[in-house]
Amino acid sequence: MNMTNLSKTQKLVFSSMLMALYIVILYFTQSFSFGAYQIRIATSMYALSYFFPFLVFPLGLANFIANALFGGLGLLDMIGGLTVGIVTTYSIVLIKKGNLNKWLIALPIILVPGLGVSIWLSYLLNLPYTALAMSLCIGQIIPALVGVLLVKTLAPIICKTQKENLV
């Protein structure tokens, strides 16, 4: 299958499968995905927007659903998660469009959730923004590295598939 020229139906199915995977991963890792450091392994999936820009909204929506199911902090956290997911994945799309080094994918995965989520969590939890932002950014380092490694691992496979489909 040519992963660059998917039909609308194929994109919808692929997006749905990845949203479900995001939610399942978050379910099994929720014990450390919602703590002080929020090591959200599921956010490493944001890196897939590097190859599939159509995942920008679906991965943000997956964050919204996951926060609704497991977060417990209400509508502000759900909408904030949606926004952070969209901004993070779109930043990764821009890295690809700019033909920048793949290691830069780590920056939005660390900084957007780390600095963004802290805005409403500091309000909701009555904690200082700076301390919360630092702990969330630290927690996002592992998912960021996993995301970069995911892209670096999949790049040869996806590039090979694209070249084969051009022939």
N, C-alpha and C. Protein backbone atom coordinates (compact mmCIF):
# COMPACT_ATOMS: atom_id res chain seq x y z
N MET A 1 0.83 -1.17 0.00
CA MET A 1 0.00 0.00 0.00
C MET A 1 0.88 1.24 0.00
N ASN A 2 0.54 2.21 -0.82
CA ASN A 2 1.27 3.47 -0.87
C ASN A 2 0.79 4.35 0.29
N MET A 3 1.67 4.56 1.26
CA MET A 3 1.29 5.31 2.45
C MET A 3 1.23 6.82 2.21
N THR A 4 1.67 7.27 1.03
CA THR A 4 1.63 8.71 0.77
C THR A 4 0.35 9.12 0.05
N ASN A 5 -0.30 8.21 -0.63
CA ASN A 5 -1.51 8.53 -1.37
C ASN A 5 -2.69 7.71 -0.86
N LEU A 6 -2.95 7.80 0.41
CA LEU A 6 -4.06 7.06 0.99
C LEU A 6 -5.38 7.73 0.63
N SER A 7 -6.42 6.92 0.45
CA SER A 7 -7.75 7.48 0.22
C SER A 7 -8.27 8.07 1.53
N LYS A 8 -9.34 8.81 1.44
CA LYS A 8 -9.93 9.39 2.66
C LYS A 8 -10.35 8.29 3.64
N THR A 9 -10.89 7.22 3.11
CA THR A 9 -11.30 6.11 3.96
C THR A 9 -10.09 5.46 4.63
N GLN A 10 -9.02 5.27 3.89
CA GLN A 10 -7.80 4.67 4.47
C GLN A 10 -7.21 5.58 5.55
N LYS A 11 -7.22 6.89 5.30
CA LYS A 11 -6.73 7.84 6.30
C LYS A 11 -7.59 7.79 7.56
N LEU A 12 -8.90 7.68 7.38
CA LEU A 12 -9.81 7.61 8.51
C LEU A 12 -9.56 6.35 9.33
N VAL A 13 -9.41 5.22 8.65
CA VAL A 13 -9.16 3.95 9.35
C VAL A 13 -7.81 3.99 10.06
N PHE A 14 -6.77 4.46 9.36
CA PHE A 14 -5.43 4.55 9.94
C PHE A 14 -5.44 5.47 11.15
N SER A 15 -6.09 6.62 11.01
CA SER A 15 -6.19 7.57 12.12
C SER A 15 -6.91 6.96 13.31
N SER A 16 -8.01 6.26 13.04
CA SER A 16 -8.78 5.63 14.11
C SER A 16 -7.96 4.57 14.84
N MET A 17 -7.21 3.80 14.08
CA MET A 17 -6.37 2.76 14.70
C MET A 17 -5.30 3.39 15.59
N LEU A 18 -4.68 4.47 15.12
CA LEU A 18 -3.64 5.12 15.93
C LEU A 18 -4.24 5.82 17.14
N MET A 19 -5.44 6.39 16.99
CA MET A 19 -6.11 6.99 18.15
C MET A 19 -6.38 5.92 19.21
N ALA A 20 -6.89 4.77 18.76
CA ALA A 20 -7.16 3.68 19.68
C ALA A 20 -5.87 3.20 20.35
N LEU A 21 -4.79 3.09 19.58
CA LEU A 21 -3.51 2.68 20.14
C LEU A 21 -3.01 3.69 21.17
N TYR A 22 -3.15 4.98 20.88
CA TYR A 22 -2.77 6.03 21.83
C TYR A 22 -3.51 5.83 23.15
N ILE A 23 -4.81 5.62 23.06
CA ILE A 23 -5.64 5.48 24.26
C ILE A 23 -5.28 4.21 25.02
N VAL A 24 -5.03 3.12 24.31
CA VAL A 24 -4.64 1.86 24.96
C VAL A 24 -3.29 2.00 25.65
N ILE A 25 -2.34 2.62 24.96
CA ILE A 25 -1.02 2.83 25.58
C ILE A 25 -1.16 3.68 26.83
N LEU A 26 -1.97 4.73 26.74
CA LEU A 26 -2.15 5.60 27.90
C LEU A 26 -2.86 4.85 29.04
N TYR A 27 -3.79 3.99 28.70
CA TYR A 27 -4.48 3.20 29.72
C TYR A 27 -3.48 2.35 30.51
N PHE A 28 -2.59 1.67 29.79
CA PHE A 28 -1.65 0.78 30.45
C PHE A 28 -0.49 1.51 31.12
N THR A 29 -0.31 2.79 30.81
CA THR A 29 0.78 3.55 31.42
C THR A 29 0.26 4.70 32.28
N GLN A 30 -1.04 4.68 32.58
CA GLN A 30 -1.61 5.82 33.31
C GLN A 30 -1.03 6.00 34.70
N SER A 31 -0.44 4.97 35.29
CA SER A 31 0.13 5.11 36.63
C SER A 31 1.27 6.13 36.65
N PHE A 32 1.95 6.31 35.53
CA PHE A 32 3.01 7.33 35.47
C PHE A 32 2.76 8.36 34.37
N SER A 33 1.61 8.33 33.74
CA SER A 33 1.27 9.31 32.71
C SER A 33 0.57 10.54 33.27
N PHE A 34 0.09 10.46 34.50
CA PHE A 34 -0.65 11.57 35.09
C PHE A 34 -0.02 12.07 36.38
N GLY A 35 1.19 11.66 36.67
CA GLY A 35 1.83 12.07 37.91
C GLY A 35 2.55 13.40 37.79
N ALA A 36 3.40 13.66 38.75
CA ALA A 36 4.14 14.93 38.78
C ALA A 36 5.04 15.09 37.56
N TYR A 37 5.57 14.00 37.05
CA TYR A 37 6.45 14.09 35.89
C TYR A 37 5.75 13.72 34.59
N GLN A 38 4.59 13.16 34.64
CA GLN A 38 3.79 12.80 33.47
C GLN A 38 4.62 12.22 32.33
N ILE A 39 5.16 11.06 32.55
CA ILE A 39 5.91 10.37 31.50
C ILE A 39 4.89 9.69 30.61
N ARG A 40 4.38 10.43 29.64
CA ARG A 40 3.30 9.96 28.78
C ARG A 40 3.89 9.34 27.52
N ILE A 41 4.16 8.05 27.60
CA ILE A 41 4.75 7.32 26.48
C ILE A 41 3.89 7.48 25.23
N ALA A 42 2.58 7.58 25.39
CA ALA A 42 1.68 7.72 24.24
C ALA A 42 2.00 8.95 23.41
N THR A 43 2.55 10.00 24.03
CA THR A 43 2.85 11.21 23.26
C THR A 43 4.00 10.99 22.27
N SER A 44 4.73 9.91 22.43
CA SER A 44 5.77 9.62 21.43
C SER A 44 5.13 9.35 20.07
N MET A 45 3.87 8.96 20.06
CA MET A 45 3.15 8.72 18.80
C MET A 45 2.95 10.01 18.01
N TYR A 46 3.04 11.16 18.66
CA TYR A 46 2.94 12.43 17.94
C TYR A 46 3.97 12.50 16.82
N ALA A 47 5.09 11.84 17.01
CA ALA A 47 6.16 11.85 16.02
C ALA A 47 5.71 11.28 14.68
N LEU A 48 4.69 10.44 14.69
CA LEU A 48 4.21 9.84 13.44
C LEU A 48 3.63 10.87 12.47
N SER A 49 3.29 12.05 12.99
CA SER A 49 2.82 13.11 12.08
C SER A 49 3.94 13.58 11.15
N TYR A 50 5.17 13.21 11.47
CA TYR A 50 6.30 13.50 10.58
C TYR A 50 6.08 12.84 9.22
N PHE A 51 5.54 11.64 9.23
CA PHE A 51 5.26 10.90 8.00
C PHE A 51 3.84 11.12 7.49
N PHE A 52 2.93 11.33 8.43
CA PHE A 52 1.51 11.40 8.09
C PHE A 52 0.90 12.67 8.66
N PRO A 53 1.01 13.77 7.94
CA PRO A 53 0.49 15.05 8.45
C PRO A 53 -1.00 15.04 8.76
N PHE A 54 -1.74 14.13 8.14
CA PHE A 54 -3.18 14.07 8.40
C PHE A 54 -3.48 13.60 9.83
N LEU A 55 -2.46 13.18 10.58
CA LEU A 55 -2.65 12.73 11.96
C LEU A 55 -2.67 13.89 12.97
N VAL A 56 -2.48 15.12 12.51
CA VAL A 56 -2.42 16.25 13.43
C VAL A 56 -3.68 16.31 14.30
N PHE A 57 -4.84 16.36 13.69
CA PHE A 57 -6.08 16.45 14.47
C PHE A 57 -6.41 15.13 15.18
N PRO A 58 -6.31 13.97 14.52
CA PRO A 58 -6.66 12.72 15.22
C PRO A 58 -5.83 12.46 16.48
N LEU A 59 -4.54 12.78 16.46
CA LEU A 59 -3.74 12.54 17.66
C LEU A 59 -4.09 13.54 18.76
N GLY A 60 -4.44 14.77 18.37
CA GLY A 60 -4.95 15.72 19.37
C GLY A 60 -6.26 15.24 19.96
N LEU A 61 -7.13 14.70 19.11
CA LEU A 61 -8.41 14.16 19.56
C LEU A 61 -8.20 12.95 20.47
N ALA A 62 -7.20 12.14 20.17
CA ALA A 62 -6.89 10.99 21.03
C ALA A 62 -6.51 11.48 22.43
N ASN A 63 -5.76 12.56 22.51
CA ASN A 63 -5.40 13.14 23.80
C ASN A 63 -6.65 13.62 24.53
N PHE A 64 -7.56 14.28 23.80
CA PHE A 64 -8.83 14.74 24.37
C PHE A 64 -9.60 13.58 24.98
N ILE A 65 -9.74 12.50 24.22
CA ILE A 65 -10.50 11.32 24.68
C ILE A 65 -9.81 10.68 25.88
N ALA A 66 -8.49 10.54 25.81
CA ALA A 66 -7.74 9.94 26.92
C ALA A 66 -7.89 10.77 28.19
N ASN A 67 -7.83 12.09 28.06
CA ASN A 67 -8.01 12.94 29.24
C ASN A 67 -9.43 12.83 29.78
N ALA A 68 -10.40 12.64 28.88
CA ALA A 68 -11.79 12.46 29.32
C ALA A 68 -11.95 11.14 30.08
N LEU A 69 -11.31 10.11 29.59
CA LEU A 69 -11.46 8.78 30.19
C LEU A 69 -10.64 8.59 31.47
N PHE A 70 -9.41 9.13 31.47
CA PHE A 70 -8.49 8.81 32.56
C PHE A 70 -8.02 10.02 33.37
N GLY A 71 -8.17 11.22 32.82
CA GLY A 71 -7.58 12.40 33.45
C GLY A 71 -8.29 12.87 34.71
N GLY A 72 -9.59 12.97 34.65
CA GLY A 72 -10.36 13.38 35.82
C GLY A 72 -10.30 14.85 36.18
N LEU A 73 -9.74 15.69 35.30
CA LEU A 73 -9.65 17.11 35.64
C LEU A 73 -10.62 17.97 34.83
N GLY A 74 -11.51 17.34 34.10
CA GLY A 74 -12.59 18.08 33.47
C GLY A 74 -12.32 18.62 32.08
N LEU A 75 -13.24 19.48 31.66
CA LEU A 75 -13.27 20.00 30.30
C LEU A 75 -12.03 20.84 29.96
N LEU A 76 -11.54 21.62 30.90
CA LEU A 76 -10.34 22.43 30.65
C LEU A 76 -9.16 21.55 30.29
N ASP A 77 -8.98 20.45 31.01
CA ASP A 77 -7.88 19.53 30.73
C ASP A 77 -8.10 18.81 29.40
N MET A 78 -9.33 18.50 29.08
CA MET A 78 -9.63 17.82 27.82
C MET A 78 -9.34 18.74 26.63
N ILE A 79 -9.85 19.96 26.68
CA ILE A 79 -9.62 20.91 25.58
C ILE A 79 -8.15 21.31 25.51
N GLY A 80 -7.53 21.47 26.66
CA GLY A 80 -6.10 21.77 26.68
C GLY A 80 -5.29 20.65 26.06
N GLY A 81 -5.64 19.40 26.37
CA GLY A 81 -4.95 18.26 25.79
C GLY A 81 -5.12 18.20 24.28
N LEU A 82 -6.32 18.49 23.81
CA LEU A 82 -6.58 18.55 22.37
C LEU A 82 -5.69 19.60 21.71
N THR A 83 -5.65 20.78 22.31
CA THR A 83 -4.85 21.88 21.76
C THR A 83 -3.37 21.55 21.76
N VAL A 84 -2.88 21.04 22.88
CA VAL A 84 -1.46 20.68 22.99
C VAL A 84 -1.11 19.59 21.97
N GLY A 85 -1.99 18.62 21.82
CA GLY A 85 -1.75 17.55 20.84
C GLY A 85 -1.66 18.09 19.42
N ILE A 86 -2.56 18.99 19.07
CA ILE A 86 -2.56 19.57 17.72
C ILE A 86 -1.31 20.43 17.50
N VAL A 87 -0.98 21.28 18.46
CA VAL A 87 0.19 22.15 18.31
C VAL A 87 1.47 21.32 18.23
N THR A 88 1.58 20.29 19.05
CA THR A 88 2.78 19.44 19.04
C THR A 88 2.93 18.73 17.71
N THR A 89 1.86 18.08 17.25
CA THR A 89 1.96 17.33 16.00
C THR A 89 2.17 18.25 14.80
N TYR A 90 1.54 19.42 14.81
CA TYR A 90 1.74 20.35 13.69
C TYR A 90 3.18 20.88 13.69
N SER A 91 3.75 21.07 14.86
CA SER A 91 5.16 21.49 14.94
C SER A 91 6.07 20.44 14.31
N ILE A 92 5.72 19.18 14.50
CA ILE A 92 6.52 18.10 13.91
C ILE A 92 6.35 18.08 12.39
N VAL A 93 5.16 18.36 11.92
CA VAL A 93 4.93 18.48 10.47
C VAL A 93 5.81 19.60 9.90
N LEU A 94 5.90 20.71 10.61
CA LEU A 94 6.74 21.84 10.15
C LEU A 94 8.22 21.47 10.13
N ILE A 95 8.65 20.64 11.07
CA ILE A 95 10.04 20.17 11.07
C ILE A 95 10.30 19.37 9.80
N LYS A 96 9.36 18.52 9.44
CA LYS A 96 9.49 17.73 8.19
C LYS A 96 9.49 18.66 6.97
N LYS A 97 8.54 19.60 6.92
CA LYS A 97 8.45 20.52 5.78
C LYS A 97 9.72 21.36 5.64
N GLY A 98 10.32 21.70 6.77
CA GLY A 98 11.55 22.49 6.75
C GLY A 98 12.79 21.65 6.49
N ASN A 99 12.59 20.34 6.34
CA ASN A 99 13.70 19.42 6.09
C ASN A 99 14.78 19.57 7.18
N LEU A 100 14.32 19.71 8.42
CA LEU A 100 15.23 19.88 9.54
C LEU A 100 15.62 18.52 10.11
N ASN A 101 16.64 18.52 10.94
CA ASN A 101 17.14 17.31 11.55
C ASN A 101 16.04 16.62 12.36
N LYS A 102 15.94 15.31 12.21
CA LYS A 102 14.89 14.54 12.89
C LYS A 102 14.99 14.65 14.42
N TRP A 103 16.15 14.90 14.95
CA TRP A 103 16.30 15.03 16.40
C TRP A 103 15.52 16.22 16.94
N LEU A 104 15.21 17.17 16.08
CA LEU A 104 14.43 18.34 16.52
C LEU A 104 12.99 17.97 16.87
N ILE A 105 12.54 16.79 16.44
CA ILE A 105 11.20 16.31 16.79
C ILE A 105 11.04 16.25 18.31
N ALA A 106 12.13 16.02 19.01
CA ALA A 106 12.08 15.92 20.47
C ALA A 106 11.63 17.23 21.11
N LEU A 107 11.98 18.35 20.52
CA LEU A 107 11.67 19.64 21.14
C LEU A 107 10.18 19.90 21.32
N PRO A 108 9.36 19.77 20.26
CA PRO A 108 7.93 20.01 20.52
C PRO A 108 7.30 18.97 21.45
N ILE A 109 7.80 17.73 21.41
CA ILE A 109 7.24 16.71 22.29
C ILE A 109 7.57 17.01 23.76
N ILE A 110 8.69 17.66 24.00
CA ILE A 110 9.05 18.05 25.37
C ILE A 110 8.41 19.38 25.74
N LEU A 111 8.59 20.39 24.89
CA LEU A 111 8.24 21.75 25.28
C LEU A 111 6.76 22.09 25.20
N VAL A 112 6.07 21.63 24.15
CA VAL A 112 4.66 22.02 24.02
C VAL A 112 3.83 21.42 25.17
N PRO A 113 3.89 20.11 25.40
CA PRO A 113 3.15 19.61 26.56
C PRO A 113 3.70 20.13 27.89
N GLY A 114 5.02 20.19 28.02
CA GLY A 114 5.62 20.62 29.28
C GLY A 114 5.24 22.04 29.67
N LEU A 115 5.32 22.94 28.71
CA LEU A 115 4.99 24.34 29.00
C LEU A 115 3.50 24.63 28.88
N GLY A 116 2.83 23.91 27.96
CA GLY A 116 1.41 24.17 27.74
C GLY A 116 0.51 23.59 28.81
N VAL A 117 0.69 22.32 29.12
CA VAL A 117 -0.15 21.66 30.11
C VAL A 117 -0.02 22.33 31.47
N SER A 118 1.17 22.85 31.75
CA SER A 118 1.41 23.52 33.02
C SER A 118 0.53 24.74 33.22
N ILE A 119 0.10 25.35 32.13
CA ILE A 119 -0.74 26.56 32.24
C ILE A 119 -2.02 26.25 33.00
N TRP A 120 -2.76 25.23 32.55
CA TRP A 120 -4.03 24.95 33.24
C TRP A 120 -3.87 24.05 34.46
N LEU A 121 -2.84 23.19 34.45
CA LEU A 121 -2.64 22.36 35.64
C LEU A 121 -2.23 23.19 36.85
N SER A 122 -1.43 24.22 36.62
CA SER A 122 -1.04 25.08 37.75
C SER A 122 -2.27 25.77 38.32
N TYR A 123 -3.21 26.13 37.46
CA TYR A 123 -4.46 26.74 37.91
C TYR A 123 -5.34 25.71 38.62
N LEU A 124 -5.56 24.55 37.98
CA LEU A 124 -6.45 23.53 38.54
C LEU A 124 -5.93 22.92 39.83
N LEU A 125 -4.61 22.74 39.91
CA LEU A 125 -4.01 22.06 41.07
C LEU A 125 -3.42 23.03 42.09
N ASN A 126 -3.49 24.34 41.77
CA ASN A 126 -2.95 25.38 42.64
C ASN A 126 -1.48 25.13 42.97
N LEU A 127 -0.70 24.90 41.91
CA LEU A 127 0.74 24.68 42.03
C LEU A 127 1.48 25.76 41.24
N PRO A 128 2.71 26.07 41.62
CA PRO A 128 3.47 27.09 40.88
C PRO A 128 3.77 26.63 39.44
N TYR A 129 3.53 27.54 38.49
CA TYR A 129 3.72 27.20 37.07
C TYR A 129 5.13 26.72 36.79
N THR A 130 6.14 27.44 37.26
CA THR A 130 7.53 27.13 36.91
C THR A 130 7.93 25.73 37.37
N ALA A 131 7.60 25.39 38.60
CA ALA A 131 7.95 24.06 39.11
C ALA A 131 7.23 22.98 38.33
N LEU A 132 5.96 23.21 38.03
CA LEU A 132 5.17 22.24 37.28
C LEU A 132 5.70 22.09 35.86
N ALA A 133 6.03 23.22 35.22
CA ALA A 133 6.56 23.18 33.86
C ALA A 133 7.88 22.41 33.81
N MET A 134 8.74 22.64 34.77
CA MET A 134 10.01 21.92 34.80
C MET A 134 9.79 20.43 34.95
N SER A 135 8.91 20.02 35.87
CA SER A 135 8.70 18.60 36.08
C SER A 135 8.03 17.95 34.87
N LEU A 136 7.10 18.65 34.22
CA LEU A 136 6.46 18.09 33.04
C LEU A 136 7.43 17.98 31.86
N CYS A 137 8.29 18.98 31.70
CA CYS A 137 9.30 18.90 30.63
C CYS A 137 10.26 17.75 30.87
N ILE A 138 10.66 17.56 32.11
CA ILE A 138 11.55 16.43 32.44
C ILE A 138 10.84 15.11 32.12
N GLY A 139 9.58 15.02 32.48
CA GLY A 139 8.81 13.80 32.22
C GLY A 139 8.65 13.51 30.74
N GLN A 140 8.66 14.53 29.90
CA GLN A 140 8.46 14.34 28.46
C GLN A 140 9.75 13.95 27.73
N ILE A 141 10.88 13.94 28.39
CA ILE A 141 12.14 13.60 27.72
C ILE A 141 12.10 12.17 27.17
N ILE A 142 11.63 11.23 27.96
CA ILE A 142 11.59 9.84 27.50
C ILE A 142 10.65 9.68 26.30
N PRO A 143 9.39 10.17 26.36
CA PRO A 143 8.54 10.08 25.17
C PRO A 143 9.13 10.78 23.94
N ALA A 144 9.84 11.88 24.17
CA ALA A 144 10.45 12.59 23.04
C ALA A 144 11.52 11.74 22.37
N LEU A 145 12.36 11.11 23.18
CA LEU A 145 13.41 10.24 22.62
C LEU A 145 12.80 9.04 21.92
N VAL A 146 11.75 8.46 22.50
CA VAL A 146 11.06 7.34 21.86
C VAL A 146 10.47 7.79 20.52
N GLY A 147 9.89 8.98 20.49
CA GLY A 147 9.32 9.51 19.25
C GLY A 147 10.36 9.68 18.15
N VAL A 148 11.51 10.23 18.51
CA VAL A 148 12.59 10.41 17.53
C VAL A 148 13.07 9.05 17.03
N LEU A 149 13.26 8.12 17.94
CA LEU A 149 13.71 6.78 17.54
C LEU A 149 12.66 6.08 16.68
N LEU A 150 11.41 6.32 16.95
CA LEU A 150 10.34 5.77 16.12
C LEU A 150 10.45 6.29 14.69
N VAL A 151 10.65 7.58 14.54
CA VAL A 151 10.80 8.18 13.20
C VAL A 151 12.06 7.67 12.52
N LYS A 152 13.16 7.63 13.25
CA LYS A 152 14.41 7.16 12.65
C LYS A 152 14.33 5.69 12.24
N THR A 153 13.60 4.90 13.00
CA THR A 153 13.43 3.48 12.68
C THR A 153 12.51 3.29 11.48
N LEU A 154 11.42 4.05 11.45
CA LEU A 154 10.44 3.89 10.37
C LEU A 154 10.84 4.58 9.06
N ALA A 155 11.71 5.57 9.13
CA ALA A 155 12.07 6.35 7.93
C ALA A 155 12.55 5.48 6.77
N PRO A 156 13.49 4.56 6.98
CA PRO A 156 13.93 3.74 5.84
C PRO A 156 12.81 2.87 5.27
N ILE A 157 11.95 2.37 6.14
CA ILE A 157 10.85 1.51 5.69
C ILE A 157 9.84 2.30 4.88
N ILE A 158 9.48 3.46 5.38
CA ILE A 158 8.48 4.28 4.69
C ILE A 158 9.05 4.85 3.40
N CYS A 159 10.32 5.27 3.42
CA CYS A 159 10.96 5.78 2.20
C CYS A 159 11.05 4.69 1.14
N LYS A 160 11.39 3.47 1.58
CA LYS A 160 11.48 2.35 0.63
C LYS A 160 10.11 2.06 0.02
N THR A 161 9.07 2.08 0.84
CA THR A 161 7.71 1.84 0.34
C THR A 161 7.32 2.91 -0.67
N GLN A 162 7.67 4.16 -0.38
CA GLN A 162 7.33 5.25 -1.29
C GLN A 162 8.06 5.11 -2.61
N LYS A 163 9.33 4.72 -2.57
CA LYS A 163 10.11 4.55 -3.80
C LYS A 163 9.56 3.39 -4.63
N GLU A 164 9.19 2.30 -3.97
CA GLU A 164 8.64 1.15 -4.69
C GLU A 164 7.32 1.49 -5.39
N ASN A 165 6.55 2.37 -4.77
CA ASN A 165 5.27 2.73 -5.36
C ASN A 165 5.41 3.73 -6.51
N LEU A 166 6.58 4.37 -6.59
CA LEU A 166 6.81 5.28 -7.71
C LEU A 166 7.23 4.54 -8.96
N VAL A 167 7.75 3.33 -8.80
CA VAL A 167 8.23 2.56 -9.94
C VAL A 167 7.10 1.87 -10.65
